[in-house]
PDB file of N, CA and C in Angstrom:
ATOM      1  N   MET A   1      73.221   0.092  39.324  1.00  0.00           N
ATOM      2  CA  MET A   1      73.023  -0.027  40.731  1.00  0.00           C
ATOM      3  C   MET A   1      71.557   0.208  41.104  1.00  0.00           C
ATOM      4  N   TYR A   2      70.930   1.278  40.595  1.00  0.00           N
ATOM      5  CA  TYR A   2      69.529   1.554  40.864  1.00  0.00           C
ATOM      6  C   TYR A   2      68.728   1.336  39.597  1.00  0.00           C
ATOM      7  N   GLU A   3      67.499   0.860  39.783  1.00  0.00           N
ATOM      8  CA  GLU A   3      66.579   0.678  38.665  1.00  0.00           C
ATOM      9  C   GLU A   3      66.003   2.045  38.305  1.00  0.00           C
ATOM     10  N   PRO A   4      65.977   2.417  37.043  1.00  0.00           N
ATOM     11  CA  PRO A   4      65.394   3.710  36.672  1.00  0.00           C
ATOM     12  C   PRO A   4      63.874   3.708  36.892  1.00  0.00           C
ATOM     13  N   ILE A   5      63.331   4.872  37.207  1.00  0.00           N
ATOM     14  CA  ILE A   5      61.892   5.008  37.440  1.00  0.00           C
ATOM     15  C   ILE A   5      61.185   4.957  36.092  1.00  0.00           C
ATOM     16  N   ARG A   6      60.220   4.051  35.987  1.00  0.00           N
ATOM     17  CA  ARG A   6      59.518   3.877  34.712  1.00  0.00           C
ATOM     18  C   ARG A   6      58.068   4.356  34.759  1.00  0.00           C
ATOM     19  N   THR A   7      57.572   4.708  35.930  1.00  0.00           N
ATOM     20  CA  THR A   7      56.192   5.173  36.037  1.00  0.00           C
ATOM     21  C   THR A   7      56.173   6.668  36.311  1.00  0.00           C
ATOM     22  N   LYS A   8      55.022   7.267  36.032  1.00  0.00           N
ATOM     23  CA  LYS A   8      54.869   8.694  36.294  1.00  0.00           C
ATOM     24  C   LYS A   8      54.819   8.940  37.793  1.00  0.00           C
ATOM     25  N   SER A   9      55.293  10.060  38.186  1.00  0.00           N
ATOM     26  CA  SER A   9      55.293  10.426  39.598  1.00  0.00           C
ATOM     27  C   SER A   9      53.867  10.678  40.079  1.00  0.00           C
ATOM     28  N   VAL A  10      53.598  10.325  41.311  1.00  0.00           N
ATOM     29  CA  VAL A  10      52.296  10.614  41.900  1.00  0.00           C
ATOM     30  C   VAL A  10      52.223  12.058  42.372  1.00  0.00           C
ATOM     31  N   HIS A  11      53.338  12.709  42.444  1.00  0.00           N
ATOM     32  CA  HIS A  11      53.381  14.106  42.860  1.00  0.00           C
ATOM     33  C   HIS A  11      53.219  14.991  41.634  1.00  0.00           C
ATOM     34  N   SER A  12      52.300  15.907  41.754  1.00  0.00           N
ATOM     35  CA  SER A  12      51.977  16.763  40.622  1.00  0.00           C
ATOM     36  C   SER A  12      52.763  18.068  40.695  1.00  0.00           C
ATOM     37  N   THR A  13      53.080  18.586  39.548  1.00  0.00           N
ATOM     38  CA  THR A  13      53.733  19.893  39.475  1.00  0.00           C
ATOM     39  C   THR A  13      52.767  20.931  38.918  1.00  0.00           C
ATOM     40  N   VAL A  14      51.456  20.663  39.048  1.00  0.00           N
ATOM     41  CA  VAL A  14      50.423  21.566  38.549  1.00  0.00           C
ATOM     42  C   VAL A  14      50.443  22.846  39.371  1.00  0.00           C
ATOM     43  N   ALA A  15      50.265  23.943  38.714  1.00  0.00           N
ATOM     44  CA  ALA A  15      50.265  25.246  39.374  1.00  0.00           C
ATOM     45  C   ALA A  15      49.070  25.359  40.311  1.00  0.00           C
ATOM     46  N   ALA A  16      49.205  26.190  41.336  1.00  0.00           N
ATOM     47  CA  ALA A  16      48.159  26.354  42.341  1.00  0.00           C
ATOM     48  C   ALA A  16      46.894  26.983  41.773  1.00  0.00           C
ATOM     49  N   ASP A  17      46.994  27.675  40.654  1.00  0.00           N
ATOM     50  CA  ASP A  17      45.814  28.317  40.076  1.00  0.00           C
ATOM     51  C   ASP A  17      45.122  27.433  39.037  1.00  0.00           C
ATOM     52  N   ASP A  18      45.338  26.142  39.091  1.00  0.00           N
ATOM     53  CA  ASP A  18      44.707  25.208  38.168  1.00  0.00           C
ATOM     54  C   ASP A  18      43.190  25.274  38.342  1.00  0.00           C
ATOM     55  N   THR A  19      42.462  25.420  37.264  1.00  0.00           N
ATOM     56  CA  THR A  19      41.008  25.567  37.329  1.00  0.00           C
ATOM     57  C   THR A  19      40.292  24.259  37.606  1.00  0.00           C
ATOM     58  N   ARG A  20      40.978  23.134  37.527  1.00  0.00           N
ATOM     59  CA  ARG A  20      40.331  21.855  37.815  1.00  0.00           C
ATOM     60  C   ARG A  20      40.119  21.649  39.317  1.00  0.00           C
ATOM     61  N   ILE A  21      40.848  22.349  40.137  1.00  0.00           N
ATOM     62  CA  ILE A  21      40.729  22.209  41.583  1.00  0.00           C
ATOM     63  C   ILE A  21      39.680  23.201  42.076  1.00  0.00           C
ATOM     64  N   PRO A  22      38.630  22.696  42.742  1.00  0.00           N
ATOM     65  CA  PRO A  22      37.607  23.630  43.240  1.00  0.00           C
ATOM     66  C   PRO A  22      38.140  24.459  44.402  1.00  0.00           C
ATOM     67  N   HIS A  23      37.851  25.720  44.372  1.00  0.00           N
ATOM     68  CA  HIS A  23      38.279  26.630  45.433  1.00  0.00           C
ATOM     69  C   HIS A  23      37.049  27.310  46.007  1.00  0.00           C
ATOM     70  N   ARG A  24      37.093  27.587  47.307  1.00  0.00           N
ATOM     71  CA  ARG A  24      36.004  28.320  47.952  1.00  0.00           C
ATOM     72  C   ARG A  24      36.498  29.716  48.277  1.00  0.00           C
ATOM     73  N   SER A  25      35.569  30.643  48.239  1.00  0.00           N
ATOM     74  CA  SER A  25      35.916  32.013  48.603  1.00  0.00           C
ATOM     75  C   SER A  25      36.017  32.123  50.122  1.00  0.00           C
ATOM     76  N   ARG A  26      36.567  33.229  50.561  1.00  0.00           N
ATOM     77  CA  ARG A  26      36.685  33.475  51.999  1.00  0.00           C
ATOM     78  C   ARG A  26      35.310  33.494  52.648  1.00  0.00           C
ATOM     79  N   GLU A  27      34.341  34.108  51.973  1.00  0.00           N
ATOM     80  CA  GLU A  27      32.983  34.182  52.525  1.00  0.00           C
ATOM     81  C   GLU A  27      32.348  32.793  52.640  1.00  0.00           C
ATOM     82  N   GLU A  28      32.585  31.935  51.659  1.00  0.00           N
ATOM     83  CA  GLU A  28      32.061  30.565  51.736  1.00  0.00           C
ATOM     84  C   GLU A  28      32.690  29.809  52.906  1.00  0.00           C
ATOM     85  N   GLU A  29      33.979  30.000  53.101  1.00  0.00           N
ATOM     86  CA  GLU A  29      34.651  29.348  54.227  1.00  0.00           C
ATOM     87  C   GLU A  29      34.104  29.858  55.562  1.00  0.00           C
ATOM     88  N   LEU A  30      33.855  31.163  55.647  1.00  0.00           N
ATOM     89  CA  LEU A  30      33.297  31.717  56.878  1.00  0.00           C
ATOM     90  C   LEU A  30      31.867  31.226  57.112  1.00  0.00           C
ATOM     91  N   ASP A  31      31.088  31.068  56.038  1.00  0.00           N
ATOM     92  CA  ASP A  31      29.736  30.513  56.163  1.00  0.00           C
ATOM     93  C   ASP A  31      29.786  29.107  56.757  1.00  0.00           C
ATOM     94  N   ILE A  32      30.702  28.293  56.259  1.00  0.00           N
ATOM     95  CA  ILE A  32      30.851  26.924  56.746  1.00  0.00           C
ATOM     96  C   ILE A  32      31.263  26.927  58.213  1.00  0.00           C
ATOM     97  N   GLN A  33      32.208  27.791  58.548  1.00  0.00           N
ATOM     98  CA  GLN A  33      32.689  27.872  59.933  1.00  0.00           C
ATOM     99  C   GLN A  33      31.578  28.357  60.868  1.00  0.00           C
ATOM    100  N   LEU A  34      30.837  29.368  60.452  1.00  0.00           N
ATOM    101  CA  LEU A  34      29.750  29.904  61.272  1.00  0.00           C
ATOM    102  C   LEU A  34      28.652  28.864  61.459  1.00  0.00           C
ATOM    103  N   ALA A  35      28.294  28.164  60.394  1.00  0.00           N
ATOM    104  CA  ALA A  35      27.278  27.112  60.511  1.00  0.00           C
ATOM    105  C   ALA A  35      27.737  26.018  61.468  1.00  0.00           C
ATOM    106  N   GLY A  36      29.011  25.711  61.475  1.00  0.00           N
ATOM    107  CA  GLY A  36      29.544  24.713  62.393  1.00  0.00           C
ATOM    108  C   GLY A  36      29.451  25.146  63.842  1.00  0.00           C
ATOM    109  N   HIS A  37      29.831  26.389  64.125  1.00  0.00           N
ATOM    110  CA  HIS A  37      29.738  26.900  65.493  1.00  0.00           C
ATOM    111  C   HIS A  37      28.283  26.955  65.949  1.00  0.00           C
ATOM    112  N   LEU A  38      27.397  27.392  65.059  1.00  0.00           N
ATOM    113  CA  LEU A  38      25.981  27.457  65.414  1.00  0.00           C
ATOM    114  C   LEU A  38      25.397  26.066  65.615  1.00  0.00           C
ATOM    115  N   SER A  39      25.857  25.091  64.848  1.00  0.00           N
ATOM    116  CA  SER A  39      25.380  23.714  65.017  1.00  0.00           C
ATOM    117  C   SER A  39      25.777  23.158  66.379  1.00  0.00           C
ATOM    118  N   ALA A  40      27.003  23.434  66.794  1.00  0.00           N
ATOM    119  CA  ALA A  40      27.447  22.997  68.125  1.00  0.00           C
ATOM    120  C   ALA A  40      26.638  23.698  69.208  1.00  0.00           C
ATOM    121  N   LEU A  41      26.371  24.988  69.018  1.00  0.00           N
ATOM    122  CA  LEU A  41      25.546  25.735  69.965  1.00  0.00           C
ATOM    123  C   LEU A  41      24.132  25.172  70.006  1.00  0.00           C
ATOM    124  N   LEU A  42      23.613  24.782  68.859  1.00  0.00           N
ATOM    125  CA  LEU A  42      22.267  24.205  68.789  1.00  0.00           C
ATOM    126  C   LEU A  42      22.186  22.907  69.598  1.00  0.00           C
ATOM    127  N   ALA A  43      23.201  22.080  69.506  1.00  0.00           N
ATOM    128  CA  ALA A  43      23.204  20.812  70.248  1.00  0.00           C
ATOM    129  C   ALA A  43      23.138  21.066  71.753  1.00  0.00           C
ATOM    130  N   VAL A  44      23.918  22.022  72.232  1.00  0.00           N
ATOM    131  CA  VAL A  44      23.914  22.336  73.667  1.00  0.00           C
ATOM    132  C   VAL A  44      22.590  22.995  74.052  1.00  0.00           C
ATOM    133  N   THR A  45      22.081  23.862  73.210  1.00  0.00           N
ATOM    134  CA  THR A  45      20.817  24.538  73.480  1.00  0.00           C
ATOM    135  C   THR A  45      19.674  23.537  73.565  1.00  0.00           C
ATOM    136  N   ASP A  46      19.645  22.578  72.649  1.00  0.00           N
ATOM    137  CA  ASP A  46      18.621  21.543  72.691  1.00  0.00           C
ATOM    138  C   ASP A  46      18.750  20.692  73.951  1.00  0.00           C
ATOM    139  N   GLU A  47      19.974  20.416  74.352  1.00  0.00           N
ATOM    140  CA  GLU A  47      20.170  19.617  75.565  1.00  0.00           C
ATOM    141  C   GLU A  47      19.686  20.363  76.801  1.00  0.00           C
ATOM    142  N   LEU A  48      19.798  21.671  76.782  1.00  0.00           N
ATOM    143  CA  LEU A  48      19.292  22.472  77.890  1.00  0.00           C
ATOM    144  C   LEU A  48      17.771  22.605  77.861  1.00  0.00           C
ATOM    145  N   GLY A  49      17.149  22.188  76.758  1.00  0.00           N
ATOM    146  CA  GLY A  49      15.687  22.257  76.639  1.00  0.00           C
ATOM    147  C   GLY A  49      15.173  23.630  76.257  1.00  0.00           C
ATOM    148  N   LEU A  50      16.002  24.446  75.655  1.00  0.00           N
ATOM    149  CA  LEU A  50      15.610  25.800  75.246  1.00  0.00           C
ATOM    150  C   LEU A  50      15.086  25.763  73.813  1.00  0.00           C
ATOM    151  N   THR A  51      13.830  25.371  73.659  1.00  0.00           N
ATOM    152  CA  THR A  51      13.247  25.126  72.340  1.00  0.00           C
ATOM    153  C   THR A  51      13.193  26.372  71.475  1.00  0.00           C
ATOM    154  N   GLU A  52      12.729  27.469  72.033  1.00  0.00           N
ATOM    155  CA  GLU A  52      12.582  28.701  71.252  1.00  0.00           C
ATOM    156  C   GLU A  52      13.941  29.209  70.751  1.00  0.00           C
ATOM    157  N   ALA A  53      14.929  29.193  71.633  1.00  0.00           N
ATOM    158  CA  ALA A  53      16.276  29.608  71.232  1.00  0.00           C
ATOM    159  C   ALA A  53      16.841  28.638  70.206  1.00  0.00           C
ATOM    160  N   GLY A  54      16.585  27.353  70.381  1.00  0.00           N
ATOM    161  CA  GLY A  54      17.047  26.350  69.424  1.00  0.00           C
ATOM    162  C   GLY A  54      16.444  26.553  68.047  1.00  0.00           C
ATOM    163  N   ASP A  55      15.173  26.921  68.020  1.00  0.00           N
ATOM    164  CA  ASP A  55      14.518  27.167  66.735  1.00  0.00           C
ATOM    165  C   ASP A  55      15.135  28.364  66.005  1.00  0.00           C
ATOM    166  N   ALA A  56      15.473  29.411  66.768  1.00  0.00           N
ATOM    167  CA  ALA A  56      16.107  30.593  66.164  1.00  0.00           C
ATOM    168  C   ALA A  56      17.484  30.239  65.609  1.00  0.00           C
ATOM    169  N   ILE A  57      18.243  29.439  66.349  1.00  0.00           N
ATOM    170  CA  ILE A  57      19.567  29.022  65.883  1.00  0.00           C
ATOM    171  C   ILE A  57      19.420  28.145  64.642  1.00  0.00           C
ATOM    172  N   ALA A  58      18.449  27.238  64.644  1.00  0.00           N
ATOM    173  CA  ALA A  58      18.225  26.343  63.504  1.00  0.00           C
ATOM    174  C   ALA A  58      17.881  27.134  62.240  1.00  0.00           C
ATOM    175  N   ARG A  59      17.115  28.214  62.392  1.00  0.00           N
ATOM    176  CA  ARG A  59      16.793  29.052  61.220  1.00  0.00           C
ATOM    177  C   ARG A  59      18.043  29.686  60.625  1.00  0.00           C
ATOM    178  N   GLN A  60      18.956  30.152  61.488  1.00  0.00           N
ATOM    179  CA  GLN A  60      20.198  30.753  60.998  1.00  0.00           C
ATOM    180  C   GLN A  60      21.075  29.713  60.302  1.00  0.00           C
ATOM    181  N   ILE A  61      21.126  28.511  60.852  1.00  0.00           N
ATOM    182  CA  ILE A  61      21.918  27.449  60.234  1.00  0.00           C
ATOM    183  C   ILE A  61      21.346  27.108  58.862  1.00  0.00           C
ATOM    184  N   ALA A  62      20.019  26.999  58.781  1.00  0.00           N
ATOM    185  CA  ALA A  62      19.376  26.696  57.499  1.00  0.00           C
ATOM    186  C   ALA A  62      19.667  27.792  56.478  1.00  0.00           C
ATOM    187  N   ARG A  63      19.659  29.047  56.907  1.00  0.00           N
ATOM    188  CA  ARG A  63      19.960  30.157  55.991  1.00  0.00           C
ATOM    189  C   ARG A  63      21.378  30.052  55.466  1.00  0.00           C
ATOM    190  N   LEU A  64      22.322  29.732  56.355  1.00  0.00           N
ATOM    191  CA  LEU A  64      23.721  29.623  55.947  1.00  0.00           C
ATOM    192  C   LEU A  64      23.967  28.432  55.023  1.00  0.00           C
ATOM    193  N   ARG A  65      23.203  27.380  55.206  1.00  0.00           N
ATOM    194  CA  ARG A  65      23.373  26.164  54.399  1.00  0.00           C
ATOM    195  C   ARG A  65      22.495  26.164  53.157  1.00  0.00           C
ATOM    196  N   GLY A  66      21.866  27.260  52.860  1.00  0.00           N
ATOM    197  CA  GLY A  66      21.042  27.339  51.653  1.00  0.00           C
ATOM    198  C   GLY A  66      19.706  26.638  51.792  1.00  0.00           C
ATOM    199  N   GLY A  67      19.123  26.663  52.977  1.00  0.00           N
ATOM    200  CA  GLY A  67      17.795  26.104  53.181  1.00  0.00           C
ATOM    201  C   GLY A  67      17.767  24.712  53.789  1.00  0.00           C
ATOM    202  N   LEU A  68      18.920  24.067  53.941  1.00  0.00           N
ATOM    203  CA  LEU A  68      18.960  22.738  54.553  1.00  0.00           C
ATOM    204  C   LEU A  68      18.786  22.858  56.064  1.00  0.00           C
ATOM    205  N   PRO A  69      17.724  22.266  56.617  1.00  0.00           N
ATOM    206  CA  PRO A  69      17.552  22.360  58.073  1.00  0.00           C
ATOM    207  C   PRO A  69      18.567  21.485  58.798  1.00  0.00           C
ATOM    208  N   PRO A  70      19.022  21.926  59.954  1.00  0.00           N
ATOM    209  CA  PRO A  70      20.008  21.137  60.694  1.00  0.00           C
ATOM    210  C   PRO A  70      19.365  19.941  61.386  1.00  0.00           C
ATOM    211  N   VAL A  71      20.167  18.967  61.682  1.00  0.00           N
ATOM    212  CA  VAL A  71      19.707  17.829  62.468  1.00  0.00           C
ATOM    213  C   VAL A  71      19.669  18.277  63.923  1.00  0.00           C
ATOM    214  N   ARG A  72      18.561  17.998  64.578  1.00  0.00           N
ATOM    215  CA  ARG A  72      18.416  18.434  65.964  1.00  0.00           C
ATOM    216  C   ARG A  72      18.936  17.382  66.928  1.00  0.00           C
ATOM    217  N   HIS A  73      19.414  17.819  68.068  1.00  0.00           N
ATOM    218  CA  HIS A  73      19.976  16.951  69.108  1.00  0.00           C
ATOM    219  C   HIS A  73      18.864  16.087  69.696  1.00  0.00           C
ATOM    220  N   ALA A  74      19.050  14.784  69.709  1.00  0.00           N
ATOM    221  CA  ALA A  74      18.017  13.879  70.182  1.00  0.00           C
ATOM    222  C   ALA A  74      18.286  13.320  71.573  1.00  0.00           C
ATOM    223  N   GLY A  75      19.538  13.157  71.940  1.00  0.00           N
ATOM    224  CA  GLY A  75      19.866  12.519  73.214  1.00  0.00           C
ATOM    225  C   GLY A  75      20.324  13.508  74.261  1.00  0.00           C
ATOM    226  N   LEU A  76      20.236  13.074  75.512  1.00  0.00           N
ATOM    227  CA  LEU A  76      20.707  13.892  76.621  1.00  0.00           C
ATOM    228  C   LEU A  76      21.932  13.234  77.236  1.00  0.00           C
ATOM    229  N   SER A  77      22.920  14.043  77.561  1.00  0.00           N
ATOM    230  CA  SER A  77      24.154  13.499  78.132  1.00  0.00           C
ATOM    231  C   SER A  77      24.100  13.448  79.650  1.00  0.00           C
ATOM    232  N   GLY A  78      23.175  14.162  80.246  1.00  0.00           N
ATOM    233  CA  GLY A  78      23.107  14.213  81.696  1.00  0.00           C
ATOM    234  C   GLY A  78      24.147  15.130  82.304  1.00  0.00           C
ATOM    235  N   ALA A  79      24.719  15.989  81.502  1.00  0.00           N
ATOM    236  CA  ALA A  79      25.745  16.913  81.988  1.00  0.00           C
ATOM    237  C   ALA A  79      25.118  17.965  82.903  1.00  0.00           C
ATOM    238  N   ASP A  80      25.953  18.534  83.745  1.00  0.00           N
ATOM    239  CA  ASP A  80      25.538  19.580  84.659  1.00  0.00           C
ATOM    240  C   ASP A  80      25.067  20.802  83.861  1.00  0.00           C
ATOM    241  N   PRO A  81      23.860  21.322  84.155  1.00  0.00           N
ATOM    242  CA  PRO A  81      23.361  22.493  83.412  1.00  0.00           C
ATOM    243  C   PRO A  81      24.300  23.696  83.466  1.00  0.00           C
ATOM    244  N   LYS A  82      24.962  23.906  84.602  1.00  0.00           N
ATOM    245  CA  LYS A  82      25.899  25.037  84.708  1.00  0.00           C
ATOM    246  C   LYS A  82      27.048  24.861  83.714  1.00  0.00           C
ATOM    247  N   ALA A  83      27.550  23.634  83.586  1.00  0.00           N
ATOM    248  CA  ALA A  83      28.620  23.359  82.623  1.00  0.00           C
ATOM    249  C   ALA A  83      28.121  23.531  81.195  1.00  0.00           C
ATOM    250  N   LEU A  84      26.882  23.143  80.959  1.00  0.00           N
ATOM    251  CA  LEU A  84      26.308  23.316  79.611  1.00  0.00           C
ATOM    252  C   LEU A  84      26.160  24.796  79.270  1.00  0.00           C
ATOM    253  N   HIS A  85      25.731  25.597  80.236  1.00  0.00           N
ATOM    254  CA  HIS A  85      25.611  27.039  79.988  1.00  0.00           C
ATOM    255  C   HIS A  85      26.984  27.661  79.720  1.00  0.00           C
ATOM    256  N   THR A  86      27.992  27.210  80.432  1.00  0.00           N
ATOM    257  CA  THR A  86      29.353  27.713  80.210  1.00  0.00           C
ATOM    258  C   THR A  86      29.822  27.356  78.806  1.00  0.00           C
ATOM    259  N   ARG A  87      29.570  26.106  78.406  1.00  0.00           N
ATOM    260  CA  ARG A  87      29.953  25.665  77.054  1.00  0.00           C
ATOM    261  C   ARG A  87      29.189  26.439  75.986  1.00  0.00           C
ATOM    262  N   ALA A  88      27.879  26.624  76.202  1.00  0.00           N
ATOM    263  CA  ALA A  88      27.064  27.362  75.237  1.00  0.00           C
ATOM    264  C   ALA A  88      27.538  28.810  75.116  1.00  0.00           C
ATOM    265  N   HIS A  89      27.935  29.408  76.236  1.00  0.00           N
ATOM    266  CA  HIS A  89      28.443  30.783  76.209  1.00  0.00           C
ATOM    267  C   HIS A  89      29.705  30.864  75.350  1.00  0.00           C
ATOM    268  N   ALA A  90      30.602  29.906  75.510  1.00  0.00           N
ATOM    269  CA  ALA A  90      31.838  29.890  74.716  1.00  0.00           C
ATOM    270  C   ALA A  90      31.539  29.667  73.234  1.00  0.00           C
ATOM    271  N   LEU A  91      30.622  28.761  72.927  1.00  0.00           N
ATOM    272  CA  LEU A  91      30.266  28.502  71.525  1.00  0.00           C
ATOM    273  C   LEU A  91      29.605  29.721  70.890  1.00  0.00           C
ATOM    274  N   ALA A  92      28.748  30.397  71.637  1.00  0.00           N
ATOM    275  CA  ALA A  92      28.106  31.609  71.123  1.00  0.00           C
ATOM    276  C   ALA A  92      29.149  32.694  70.868  1.00  0.00           C
ATOM    277  N   GLY A  93      30.168  32.757  71.714  1.00  0.00           N
ATOM    278  CA  GLY A  93      31.254  33.724  71.507  1.00  0.00           C
ATOM    279  C   GLY A  93      32.022  33.454  70.228  1.00  0.00           C
ATOM    280  N   ARG A  94      32.295  32.179  69.966  1.00  0.00           N
ATOM    281  CA  ARG A  94      32.986  31.830  68.712  1.00  0.00           C
ATOM    282  C   ARG A  94      32.116  32.181  67.503  1.00  0.00           C
ATOM    283  N   ALA A  95      30.829  31.889  67.610  1.00  0.00           N
ATOM    284  CA  ALA A  95      29.918  32.218  66.511  1.00  0.00           C
ATOM    285  C   ALA A  95      29.858  33.729  66.297  1.00  0.00           C
ATOM    286  N   LEU A  96      29.871  34.482  67.377  1.00  0.00           N
ATOM    287  CA  LEU A  96      29.847  35.945  67.280  1.00  0.00           C
ATOM    288  C   LEU A  96      31.087  36.469  66.555  1.00  0.00           C
ATOM    289  N   LEU A  97      32.247  35.926  66.867  1.00  0.00           N
ATOM    290  CA  LEU A  97      33.475  36.366  66.197  1.00  0.00           C
ATOM    291  C   LEU A  97      33.424  36.112  64.692  1.00  0.00           C
ATOM    292  N   VAL A  98      32.962  34.940  64.303  1.00  0.00           N
ATOM    293  CA  VAL A  98      32.898  34.616  62.875  1.00  0.00           C
ATOM    294  C   VAL A  98      31.821  35.464  62.193  1.00  0.00           C
ATOM    295  N   ALA A  99      30.676  35.620  62.859  1.00  0.00           N
ATOM    296  CA  ALA A  99      29.593  36.428  62.278  1.00  0.00           C
ATOM    297  C   ALA A  99      30.050  37.877  62.089  1.00  0.00           C
ATOM    298  N   ALA A 100      30.797  38.385  63.035  1.00  0.00           N
ATOM    299  CA  ALA A 100      31.295  39.755  62.913  1.00  0.00           C
ATOM    300  C   ALA A 100      32.311  39.868  61.787  1.00  0.00           C
ATOM    301  N   SER A 101      33.144  38.868  61.618  1.00  0.00           N
ATOM    302  CA  SER A 101      34.158  38.950  60.566  1.00  0.00           C
ATOM    303  C   SER A 101      33.547  38.837  59.179  1.00  0.00           C
ATOM    304  N   ARG A 102      32.395  38.213  59.058  1.00  0.00           N
ATOM    305  CA  ARG A 102      31.736  38.139  57.745  1.00  0.00           C
ATOM    306  C   ARG A 102      30.603  39.159  57.617  1.00  0.00           C
ATOM    307  N   ALA A 103      30.467  40.028  58.625  1.00  0.00           N
ATOM    308  CA  ALA A 103      29.466  41.097  58.630  1.00  0.00           C
ATOM    309  C   ALA A 103      28.051  40.556  58.495  1.00  0.00           C
ATOM    310  N   ASP A 104      27.753  39.470  59.209  1.00  0.00           N
ATOM    311  CA  ASP A 104      26.428  38.859  59.228  1.00  0.00           C
ATOM    312  C   ASP A 104      25.712  39.373  60.471  1.00  0.00           C
ATOM    313  N   THR A 105      24.930  40.432  60.306  1.00  0.00           N
ATOM    314  CA  THR A 105      24.288  41.090  61.434  1.00  0.00           C
ATOM    315  C   THR A 105      23.308  40.177  62.156  1.00  0.00           C
ATOM    316  N   ALA A 106      22.495  39.445  61.418  1.00  0.00           N
ATOM    317  CA  ALA A 106      21.481  38.581  62.036  1.00  0.00           C
ATOM    318  C   ALA A 106      22.133  37.514  62.915  1.00  0.00           C
ATOM    319  N   ALA A 107      23.158  36.877  62.418  1.00  0.00           N
ATOM    320  CA  ALA A 107      23.842  35.835  63.196  1.00  0.00           C
ATOM    321  C   ALA A 107      24.587  36.451  64.370  1.00  0.00           C
ATOM    322  N   ALA A 108      25.163  37.631  64.191  1.00  0.00           N
ATOM    323  CA  ALA A 108      25.886  38.293  65.274  1.00  0.00           C
ATOM    324  C   ALA A 108      24.933  38.676  66.407  1.00  0.00           C
ATOM    325  N   ILE A 109      23.767  39.187  66.065  1.00  0.00           N
ATOM    326  CA  ILE A 109      22.782  39.557  67.089  1.00  0.00           C
ATOM    327  C   ILE A 109      22.316  38.316  67.839  1.00  0.00           C
ATOM    328  N   LEU A 110      22.025  37.248  67.113  1.00  0.00           N
ATOM    329  CA  LEU A 110      21.597  36.001  67.739  1.00  0.00           C
ATOM    330  C   LEU A 110      22.681  35.470  68.686  1.00  0.00           C
ATOM    331  N   ALA A 111      23.920  35.453  68.230  1.00  0.00           N
ATOM    332  CA  ALA A 111      25.020  34.948  69.056  1.00  0.00           C
ATOM    333  C   ALA A 111      25.202  35.814  70.310  1.00  0.00           C
ATOM    334  N   ALA A 112      25.100  37.125  70.161  1.00  0.00           N
ATOM    335  CA  ALA A 112      25.246  38.025  71.315  1.00  0.00           C
ATOM    336  C   ALA A 112      24.109  37.801  72.316  1.00  0.00           C
ATOM    337  N   GLU A 113      22.887  37.607  71.815  1.00  0.00           N
ATOM    338  CA  GLU A 113      21.753  37.333  72.697  1.00  0.00           C
ATOM    339  C   GLU A 113      21.959  36.018  73.451  1.00  0.00           C
ATOM    340  N   ARG A 114      22.462  35.011  72.753  1.00  0.00           N
ATOM    341  CA  ARG A 114      22.690  33.722  73.399  1.00  0.00           C
ATOM    342  C   ARG A 114      23.813  33.826  74.432  1.00  0.00           C
ATOM    343  N   MET A 115      24.840  34.616  74.136  1.00  0.00           N
ATOM    344  CA  MET A 115      25.913  34.831  75.115  1.00  0.00           C
ATOM    345  C   MET A 115      25.356  35.463  76.384  1.00  0.00           C
ATOM    346  N   ASP A 116      24.516  36.491  76.217  1.00  0.00           N
ATOM    347  CA  ASP A 116      23.917  37.161  77.372  1.00  0.00           C
ATOM    348  C   ASP A 116      23.044  36.203  78.179  1.00  0.00           C
ATOM    349  N   ALA A 117      22.220  35.419  77.483  1.00  0.00           N
ATOM    350  CA  ALA A 117      21.316  34.488  78.165  1.00  0.00           C
ATOM    351  C   ALA A 117      22.098  33.420  78.933  1.00  0.00           C
ATOM    352  N   HIS A 118      23.152  32.889  78.331  1.00  0.00           N
ATOM    353  CA  HIS A 118      23.914  31.846  78.994  1.00  0.00           C
ATOM    354  C   HIS A 118      24.784  32.417  80.129  1.00  0.00           C
ATOM    355  N   ALA A 119      25.264  33.627  79.967  1.00  0.00           N
ATOM    356  CA  ALA A 119      26.023  34.268  81.046  1.00  0.00           C
ATOM    357  C   ALA A 119      25.125  34.508  82.251  1.00  0.00           C
ATOM    358  N   ALA A 120      23.894  34.953  81.979  1.00  0.00           N
ATOM    359  CA  ALA A 120      22.938  35.186  83.072  1.00  0.00           C
ATOM    360  C   ALA A 120      22.563  33.871  83.761  1.00  0.00           C
ATOM    361  N   ALA A 121      22.330  32.836  82.981  1.00  0.00           N
ATOM    362  CA  ALA A 121      21.980  31.536  83.564  1.00  0.00           C
ATOM    363  C   ALA A 121      23.154  30.934  84.318  1.00  0.00           C
ATOM    364  N   ASP A 122      24.354  31.174  83.846  1.00  0.00           N
ATOM    365  CA  ASP A 122      25.547  30.643  84.501  1.00  0.00           C
ATOM    366  C   ASP A 122      25.800  31.366  85.830  1.00  0.00           C
ATOM    367  N   ALA A 123      25.351  32.612  85.929  1.00  0.00           N
ATOM    368  CA  ALA A 123      25.575  33.403  87.138  1.00  0.00           C
ATOM    369  C   ALA A 123      24.594  33.042  88.243  1.00  0.00           C
ATOM    370  N   LEU A 124      23.493  32.365  87.908  1.00  0.00           N
ATOM    371  CA  LEU A 124      22.506  31.988  88.925  1.00  0.00           C
ATOM    372  C   LEU A 124      23.111  30.956  89.877  1.00  0.00           C
ATOM    373  N   PRO A 125      22.746  31.057  91.161  1.00  0.00           N
ATOM    374  CA  PRO A 125      23.263  30.056  92.101  1.00  0.00           C
ATOM    375  C   PRO A 125      22.627  28.698  91.828  1.00  0.00           C
ATOM    376  N   THR A 126      23.390  27.646  92.049  1.00  0.00           N
ATOM    377  CA  THR A 126      22.869  26.299  91.831  1.00  0.00           C
ATOM    378  C   THR A 126      22.243  25.776  93.112  1.00  0.00           C
ATOM    379  N   ALA A 127      21.213  24.974  92.941  1.00  0.00           N
ATOM    380  CA  ALA A 127      20.533  24.371  94.090  1.00  0.00           C
ATOM    381  C   ALA A 127      21.351  23.185  94.579  1.00  0.00           C
ATOM    382  N   ALA A 128      21.601  23.143  95.868  1.00  0.00           N
ATOM    383  CA  ALA A 128      22.414  22.048  96.407  1.00  0.00           C
ATOM    384  C   ALA A 128      21.572  20.960  97.036  1.00  0.00           C
TER     385      ALA A 128
END
């Protein structure tokens, strides 16, 4: 009634501790996650025109990536600066959480400073 299977299964029964599969440590995963959050923060920071802060963030990203400098944001979206500051504050908060969990003091201090700066800028009244 049914044709017998003559080919090998595509599903593997290899154990999870197989040495052929590359694995990353928890710290490597946190480095990748932190670099990602900082990269998103860098894009918003560059869009706001905050060059000095952007340079500090870029240095941290390069350190996390082993010396590879990040690509800098080239275009402007025309978004409302207040909305950009709100977004940057949230991104800095995420970066702070990851930096704290991996005990990265330099990145945590930078993220906290950026949170403070964006919170202060977000609190300023907008010109109508």
